[in-house]
């Protein structure tokens, strides 16, 4: 039960990051409702990865989330 909830949470967050990355091709205006909806929950992860990796932080976030989802599935 816990592993399923954790798996869905990580998958949802991964889709948020992918949505933000896709939407950033069209707009980065913080006044846009859809961009702001994706910006607010994903910004803490972006801030953390910007400190670690100045470039390609979106790819690093997605790879980390994929690794965590794989670890959750294999662990439980």
PDB file of N, CA and C in Angstrom:
ATOM      1  N   UNK A   1       0.821  -1.193   0.000  1.00  0.00           N
ATOM      2  CA  UNK A   1       0.000   0.000   0.000  1.00  0.00           C
ATOM      3  C   UNK A   1       0.865   1.257   0.000  1.00  0.00           C
ATOM      4  N   UNK A   2       1.849   1.318   0.859  1.00  0.00           N
ATOM      5  CA  UNK A   2       2.720   2.491   0.927  1.00  0.00           C
ATOM      6  C   UNK A   2       3.544   2.619  -0.344  1.00  0.00           C
ATOM      7  N   UNK A   3       4.026   1.493  -0.847  1.00  0.00           N
ATOM      8  CA  UNK A   3       4.841   1.553  -2.063  1.00  0.00           C
ATOM      9  C   UNK A   3       4.027   2.031  -3.263  1.00  0.00           C
ATOM     10  N   UNK A   4       2.759   1.677  -3.321  1.00  0.00           N
ATOM     11  CA  UNK A   4       1.903   2.139  -4.414  1.00  0.00           C
ATOM     12  C   UNK A   4       1.683   3.641  -4.317  1.00  0.00           C
ATOM     13  N   UNK A   5       1.411   4.131  -3.120  1.00  0.00           N
ATOM     14  CA  UNK A   5       1.209   5.571  -2.930  1.00  0.00           C
ATOM     15  C   UNK A   5       2.484   6.336  -3.253  1.00  0.00           C
ATOM     16  N   UNK A   6       3.628   5.827  -2.824  1.00  0.00           N
ATOM     17  CA  UNK A   6       4.905   6.478  -3.116  1.00  0.00           C
ATOM     18  C   UNK A   6       5.193   6.457  -4.609  1.00  0.00           C
ATOM     19  N   UNK A   7       4.900   5.364  -5.261  1.00  0.00           N
ATOM     20  CA  UNK A   7       5.105   5.248  -6.700  1.00  0.00           C
ATOM     21  C   UNK A   7       4.236   6.252  -7.455  1.00  0.00           C
ATOM     22  N   UNK A   8       2.968   6.362  -7.090  1.00  0.00           N
ATOM     23  CA  UNK A   8       2.081   7.321  -7.752  1.00  0.00           C
ATOM     24  C   UNK A   8       2.497   8.765  -7.464  1.00  0.00           C
ATOM     25  N   UNK A   9       2.952   9.031  -6.262  1.00  0.00           N
ATOM     26  CA  UNK A   9       3.409  10.381  -5.922  1.00  0.00           C
ATOM     27  C   UNK A   9       4.626  10.761  -6.749  1.00  0.00           C
ATOM     28  N   UNK A  10       5.590   9.858  -6.865  1.00  0.00           N
ATOM     29  CA  UNK A  10       6.772  10.135  -7.673  1.00  0.00           C
ATOM     30  C   UNK A  10       6.415  10.283  -9.151  1.00  0.00           C
ATOM     31  N   UNK A  11       5.486   9.483  -9.626  1.00  0.00           N
ATOM     32  CA  UNK A  11       5.053   9.589 -11.022  1.00  0.00           C
ATOM     33  C   UNK A  11       4.348  10.920 -11.269  1.00  0.00           C
ATOM     34  N   UNK A  12       3.507  11.332 -10.349  1.00  0.00           N
ATOM     35  CA  UNK A  12       2.811  12.609 -10.477  1.00  0.00           C
ATOM     36  C   UNK A  12       3.804  13.763 -10.500  1.00  0.00           C
ATOM     37  N   UNK A  13       4.785  13.722  -9.614  1.00  0.00           N
ATOM     38  CA  UNK A  13       5.796  14.784  -9.564  1.00  0.00           C
ATOM     39  C   UNK A  13       6.635  14.784 -10.838  1.00  0.00           C
ATOM     40  N   UNK A  14       6.922  13.613 -11.368  1.00  0.00           N
ATOM     41  CA  UNK A  14       7.678  13.528 -12.611  1.00  0.00           C
ATOM     42  C   UNK A  14       6.898  14.171 -13.749  1.00  0.00           C
ATOM     43  N   UNK A  15       5.592  13.948 -13.800  1.00  0.00           N
ATOM     44  CA  UNK A  15       4.772  14.564 -14.843  1.00  0.00           C
ATOM     45  C   UNK A  15       4.681  16.072 -14.659  1.00  0.00           C
ATOM     46  N   UNK A  16       4.694  16.535 -13.412  1.00  0.00           N
ATOM     47  CA  UNK A  16       4.732  17.979 -13.173  1.00  0.00           C
ATOM     48  C   UNK A  16       6.017  18.586 -13.735  1.00  0.00           C
ATOM     49  N   UNK A  17       7.148  17.930 -13.491  1.00  0.00           N
ATOM     50  CA  UNK A  17       8.431  18.420 -13.999  1.00  0.00           C
ATOM     51  C   UNK A  17       8.439  18.397 -15.527  1.00  0.00           C
ATOM     52  N   UNK A  18       7.947  17.327 -16.117  1.00  0.00           N
ATOM     53  CA  UNK A  18       7.884  17.254 -17.582  1.00  0.00           C
ATOM     54  C   UNK A  18       6.939  18.315 -18.151  1.00  0.00           C
ATOM     55  N   UNK A  19       5.827  18.551 -17.485  1.00  0.00           N
ATOM     56  CA  UNK A  19       4.901  19.585 -17.928  1.00  0.00           C
ATOM     57  C   UNK A  19       5.514  20.969 -17.858  1.00  0.00           C
ATOM     58  N   UNK A  20       6.265  21.233 -16.783  1.00  0.00           N
ATOM     59  CA  UNK A  20       6.935  22.526 -16.661  1.00  0.00           C
ATOM     60  C   UNK A  20       7.990  22.684 -17.746  1.00  0.00           C
ATOM     61  N   UNK A  21       8.727  21.632 -18.023  1.00  0.00           N
ATOM     62  CA  UNK A  21       9.750  21.698 -19.069  1.00  0.00           C
ATOM     63  C   UNK A  21       9.111  21.942 -20.428  1.00  0.00           C
ATOM     64  N   UNK A  22       8.007  21.269 -20.716  1.00  0.00           N
ATOM     65  CA  UNK A  22       7.333  21.449 -22.006  1.00  0.00           C
ATOM     66  C   UNK A  22       6.718  22.843 -22.117  1.00  0.00           C
ATOM     67  N   UNK A  23       6.108  23.325 -21.048  1.00  0.00           N
ATOM     68  CA  UNK A  23       5.477  24.634 -21.082  1.00  0.00           C
ATOM     69  C   UNK A  23       6.497  25.762 -21.150  1.00  0.00           C
ATOM     70  N   UNK A  24       7.698  25.520 -20.675  1.00  0.00           N
ATOM     71  CA  UNK A  24       8.720  26.568 -20.714  1.00  0.00           C
ATOM     72  C   UNK A  24       9.158  26.901 -22.139  1.00  0.00           C
ATOM     73  N   UNK A  25       8.855  26.027 -23.100  1.00  0.00           N
ATOM     74  CA  UNK A  25       9.139  26.356 -24.499  1.00  0.00           C
ATOM     75  C   UNK A  25       8.207  27.458 -25.005  1.00  0.00           C
ATOM     76  N   UNK A  26       7.019  27.576 -24.414  1.00  0.00           N
ATOM     77  CA  UNK A  26       6.035  28.538 -24.879  1.00  0.00           C
ATOM     78  C   UNK A  26       5.987  29.797 -24.032  1.00  0.00           C
ATOM     79  N   UNK A  27       6.095  29.647 -22.721  1.00  0.00           N
ATOM     80  CA  UNK A  27       6.041  30.810 -21.844  1.00  0.00           C
ATOM     81  C   UNK A  27       6.780  30.529 -20.548  1.00  0.00           C
ATOM     82  N   UNK A  28       7.342  31.583 -19.995  1.00  0.00           N
ATOM     83  CA  UNK A  28       7.920  31.516 -18.647  1.00  0.00           C
ATOM     84  C   UNK A  28       7.361  32.655 -17.808  1.00  0.00           C
ATOM     85  N   UNK A  29       6.196  33.139 -18.204  1.00  0.00           N
ATOM     86  CA  UNK A  29       5.547  34.239 -17.508  1.00  0.00           C
ATOM     87  C   UNK A  29       4.899  33.717 -16.229  1.00  0.00           C
ATOM     88  N   UNK A  30       5.330  34.241 -15.103  1.00  0.00           N
ATOM     89  CA  UNK A  30       4.800  33.777 -13.820  1.00  0.00           C
ATOM     90  C   UNK A  30       3.347  34.185 -13.610  1.00  0.00           C
ATOM     91  N   UNK A  31       2.840  35.103 -14.413  1.00  0.00           N
ATOM     92  CA  UNK A  31       1.432  35.507 -14.298  1.00  0.00           C
ATOM     93  C   UNK A  31       0.506  34.529 -15.021  1.00  0.00           C
ATOM     94  N   UNK A  32       1.070  33.669 -15.841  1.00  0.00           N
ATOM     95  CA  UNK A  32       0.285  32.654 -16.531  1.00  0.00           C
ATOM     96  C   UNK A  32      -0.156  31.597 -15.516  1.00  0.00           C
ATOM     97  N   UNK A  33      -1.442  31.310 -15.489  1.00  0.00           N
ATOM     98  CA  UNK A  33      -1.987  30.387 -14.493  1.00  0.00           C
ATOM     99  C   UNK A  33      -1.376  28.996 -14.609  1.00  0.00           C
ATOM    100  N   UNK A  34      -1.292  28.470 -15.825  1.00  0.00           N
ATOM    101  CA  UNK A  34      -0.805  27.108 -16.010  1.00  0.00           C
ATOM    102  C   UNK A  34       0.676  26.984 -15.672  1.00  0.00           C
ATOM    103  N   UNK A  35       1.463  27.970 -16.071  1.00  0.00           N
ATOM    104  CA  UNK A  35       2.886  27.921 -15.739  1.00  0.00           C
ATOM    105  C   UNK A  35       3.083  28.045 -14.232  1.00  0.00           C
ATOM    106  N   UNK A  36       2.320  28.924 -13.601  1.00  0.00           N
ATOM    107  CA  UNK A  36       2.441  29.100 -12.154  1.00  0.00           C
ATOM    108  C   UNK A  36       1.996  27.845 -11.404  1.00  0.00           C
ATOM    109  N   UNK A  37       0.989  27.136 -11.944  1.00  0.00           N
ATOM    110  CA  UNK A  37       0.510  25.903 -11.335  1.00  0.00           C
ATOM    111  C   UNK A  37       1.606  24.820 -11.351  1.00  0.00           C
ATOM    112  N   UNK A  38       2.426  24.812 -12.390  1.00  0.00           N
ATOM    113  CA  UNK A  38       3.528  23.854 -12.468  1.00  0.00           C
ATOM    114  C   UNK A  38       4.788  24.380 -11.783  1.00  0.00           C
ATOM    115  N   UNK A  39       4.929  25.688 -11.710  1.00  0.00           N
ATOM    116  CA  UNK A  39       6.124  26.306 -11.137  1.00  0.00           C
ATOM    117  C   UNK A  39       6.199  26.100  -9.624  1.00  0.00           C
ATOM    118  N   UNK A  40       5.105  26.372  -8.935  1.00  0.00           N
ATOM    119  CA  UNK A  40       5.122  26.348  -7.469  1.00  0.00           C
ATOM    120  C   UNK A  40       5.510  24.997  -6.862  1.00  0.00           C
ATOM    121  N   UNK A  41       4.940  23.865  -7.290  1.00  0.00           N
ATOM    122  CA  UNK A  41       5.347  22.605  -6.651  1.00  0.00           C
ATOM    123  C   UNK A  41       6.713  22.085  -7.095  1.00  0.00           C
ATOM    124  N   UNK A  42       7.185  22.507  -8.271  1.00  0.00           N
ATOM    125  CA  UNK A  42       8.447  21.957  -8.767  1.00  0.00           C
ATOM    126  C   UNK A  42       9.655  22.836  -8.453  1.00  0.00           C
ATOM    127  N   UNK A  43       9.435  24.069  -8.050  1.00  0.00           N
ATOM    128  CA  UNK A  43      10.557  24.982  -7.822  1.00  0.00           C
ATOM    129  C   UNK A  43      11.531  24.505  -6.733  1.00  0.00           C
ATOM    130  N   UNK A  44      11.084  23.894  -5.621  1.00  0.00           N
ATOM    131  CA  UNK A  44      12.068  23.415  -4.639  1.00  0.00           C
ATOM    132  C   UNK A  44      13.066  22.404  -5.222  1.00  0.00           C
ATOM    133  N   UNK A  45      12.593  21.502  -6.064  1.00  0.00           N
ATOM    134  CA  UNK A  45      13.510  20.539  -6.684  1.00  0.00           C
ATOM    135  C   UNK A  45      14.443  21.241  -7.660  1.00  0.00           C
ATOM    136  N   UNK A  46      13.908  22.173  -8.431  1.00  0.00           N
ATOM    137  CA  UNK A  46      14.748  22.919  -9.372  1.00  0.00           C
ATOM    138  C   UNK A  46      15.816  23.714  -8.629  1.00  0.00           C
ATOM    139  N   UNK A  47      15.450  24.356  -7.526  1.00  0.00           N
ATOM    140  CA  UNK A  47      16.411  25.146  -6.753  1.00  0.00           C
ATOM    141  C   UNK A  47      17.547  24.267  -6.240  1.00  0.00           C
ATOM    142  N   UNK A  48      17.183  23.076  -5.749  1.00  0.00           N
ATOM    143  CA  UNK A  48      18.199  22.153  -5.238  1.00  0.00           C
ATOM    144  C   UNK A  48      19.153  21.722  -6.354  1.00  0.00           C
ATOM    145  N   UNK A  49      18.607  21.345  -7.499  1.00  0.00           N
ATOM    146  CA  UNK A  49      19.451  20.862  -8.594  1.00  0.00           C
ATOM    147  C   UNK A  49      20.218  21.986  -9.279  1.00  0.00           C
ATOM    148  N   UNK A  50      19.716  23.223  -9.232  1.00  0.00           N
ATOM    149  CA  UNK A  50      20.477  24.347  -9.791  1.00  0.00           C
ATOM    150  C   UNK A  50      21.760  24.582  -9.011  1.00  0.00           C
ATOM    151  N   UNK A  51      21.716  24.340  -7.706  1.00  0.00           N
ATOM    152  CA  UNK A  51      22.939  24.474  -6.905  1.00  0.00           C
ATOM    153  C   UNK A  51      23.945  23.385  -7.255  1.00  0.00           C
ATOM    154  N   UNK A  52      23.451  22.154  -7.478  1.00  0.00           N
ATOM    155  CA  UNK A  52      24.342  21.043  -7.793  1.00  0.00           C
ATOM    156  C   UNK A  52      24.861  21.097  -9.225  1.00  0.00           C
ATOM    157  N   UNK A  53      23.944  21.305 -10.163  1.00  0.00           N
ATOM    158  CA  UNK A  53      24.284  21.298 -11.587  1.00  0.00           C
ATOM    159  C   UNK A  53      23.781  22.585 -12.228  1.00  0.00           C
ATOM    160  N   UNK A  54      24.669  23.465 -12.627  1.00  0.00           N
ATOM    161  CA  UNK A  54      24.209  24.718 -13.234  1.00  0.00           C
ATOM    162  C   UNK A  54      23.475  24.498 -14.563  1.00  0.00           C
ATOM    163  N   UNK A  55      23.806  23.430 -15.263  1.00  0.00           N
ATOM    164  CA  UNK A  55      23.107  23.152 -16.522  1.00  0.00           C
ATOM    165  C   UNK A  55      22.407  21.797 -16.399  1.00  0.00           C
ATOM    166  N   UNK A  56      21.465  21.564 -17.254  1.00  0.00           N
ATOM    167  CA  UNK A  56      20.718  20.298 -17.381  1.00  0.00           C
ATOM    168  C   UNK A  56      20.094  19.822 -16.066  1.00  0.00           C
ATOM    169  N   UNK A  57      19.526  20.745 -15.300  1.00  0.00           N
ATOM    170  CA  UNK A  57      18.903  20.355 -14.042  1.00  0.00           C
ATOM    171  C   UNK A  57      17.575  19.637 -14.262  1.00  0.00           C
ATOM    172  N   UNK A  58      16.838  19.948 -15.334  1.00  0.00           N
ATOM    173  CA  UNK A  58      15.574  19.245 -15.595  1.00  0.00           C
ATOM    174  C   UNK A  58      15.827  17.768 -15.879  1.00  0.00           C
ATOM    175  N   UNK A  59      16.832  17.486 -16.668  1.00  0.00           N
ATOM    176  CA  UNK A  59      17.188  16.097 -16.957  1.00  0.00           C
ATOM    177  C   UNK A  59      17.606  15.369 -15.683  1.00  0.00           C
ATOM    178  N   UNK A  60      18.348  16.033 -14.825  1.00  0.00           N
ATOM    179  CA  UNK A  60      18.774  15.412 -13.571  1.00  0.00           C
ATOM    180  C   UNK A  60      17.584  15.104 -12.669  1.00  0.00           C
ATOM    181  N   UNK A  61      16.611  16.009 -12.625  1.00  0.00           N
ATOM    182  CA  UNK A  61      15.419  15.768 -11.803  1.00  0.00           C
ATOM    183  C   UNK A  61      14.645  14.571 -12.330  1.00  0.00           C
ATOM    184  N   UNK A  62      14.451  14.516 -13.635  1.00  0.00           N
ATOM    185  CA  UNK A  62      13.695  13.412 -14.222  1.00  0.00           C
ATOM    186  C   UNK A  62      14.408  12.082 -14.017  1.00  0.00           C
ATOM    187  N   UNK A  63      15.724  12.063 -14.199  1.00  0.00           N
ATOM    188  CA  UNK A  63      16.477  10.825 -13.978  1.00  0.00           C
ATOM    189  C   UNK A  63      16.429  10.392 -12.519  1.00  0.00           C
ATOM    190  N   UNK A  64      16.498  11.341 -11.603  1.00  0.00           N
ATOM    191  CA  UNK A  64      16.400  11.011 -10.181  1.00  0.00           C
ATOM    192  C   UNK A  64      15.029  10.433  -9.853  1.00  0.00           C
ATOM    193  N   UNK A  65      13.978  11.042 -10.385  1.00  0.00           N
ATOM    194  CA  UNK A  65      12.630  10.525 -10.128  1.00  0.00           C
ATOM    195  C   UNK A  65      12.435   9.139 -10.730  1.00  0.00           C
ATOM    196  N   UNK A  66      12.972   8.915 -11.917  1.00  0.00           N
ATOM    197  CA  UNK A  66      12.887   7.572 -12.515  1.00  0.00           C
ATOM    198  C   UNK A  66      13.640   6.548 -11.680  1.00  0.00           C
ATOM    199  N   UNK A  67      14.817   6.916 -11.202  1.00  0.00           N
ATOM    200  CA  UNK A  67      15.587   6.013 -10.350  1.00  0.00           C
ATOM    201  C   UNK A  67      14.838   5.712  -9.054  1.00  0.00           C
ATOM    202  N   UNK A  68      14.250   6.738  -8.440  1.00  0.00           N
ATOM    203  CA  UNK A  68      13.507   6.519  -7.203  1.00  0.00           C
ATOM    204  C   UNK A  68      12.286   5.634  -7.431  1.00  0.00           C
ATOM    205  N   UNK A  69      11.585   5.838  -8.545  1.00  0.00           N
ATOM    206  CA  UNK A  69      10.429   4.977  -8.847  1.00  0.00           C
ATOM    207  C   UNK A  69      10.879   3.538  -9.056  1.00  0.00           C
ATOM    208  N   UNK A  70      11.982   3.341  -9.757  1.00  0.00           N
ATOM    209  CA  UNK A  70      12.501   1.988  -9.960  1.00  0.00           C
ATOM    210  C   UNK A  70      12.906   1.355  -8.634  1.00  0.00           C
ATOM    211  N   UNK A  71      13.535   2.146  -7.767  1.00  0.00           N
ATOM    212  CA  UNK A  71      13.948   1.629  -6.459  1.00  0.00           C
ATOM    213  C   UNK A  71      12.744   1.260  -5.617  1.00  0.00           C
ATOM    214  N   UNK A  72      11.684   2.040  -5.686  1.00  0.00           N
ATOM    215  CA  UNK A  72      10.473   1.747  -4.917  1.00  0.00           C
ATOM    216  C   UNK A  72       9.840   0.455  -5.413  1.00  0.00           C
ATOM    217  N   UNK A  73       9.774   0.274  -6.714  1.00  0.00           N
ATOM    218  CA  UNK A  73       9.156  -0.934  -7.270  1.00  0.00           C
ATOM    219  C   UNK A  73       9.991  -2.165  -6.917  1.00  0.00           C
ATOM    220  N   UNK A  74      11.304  -2.065  -7.020  1.00  0.00           N
ATOM    221  CA  UNK A  74      12.171  -3.212  -6.726  1.00  0.00           C
ATOM    222  C   UNK A  74      12.281  -3.488  -5.227  1.00  0.00           C
ATOM    223  N   UNK A  75      12.210  -2.440  -4.421  1.00  0.00           N
ATOM    224  CA  UNK A  75      12.369  -2.598  -2.971  1.00  0.00           C
ATOM    225  C   UNK A  75      11.156  -3.301  -2.375  1.00  0.00           C
ATOM    226  N   UNK A  76       9.988  -2.907  -2.816  1.00  0.00           N
ATOM    227  CA  UNK A  76       8.767  -3.475  -2.247  1.00  0.00           C
ATOM    228  C   UNK A  76       8.258  -4.502  -3.205  1.00  0.00           C
TER     229      UNK A  76
END
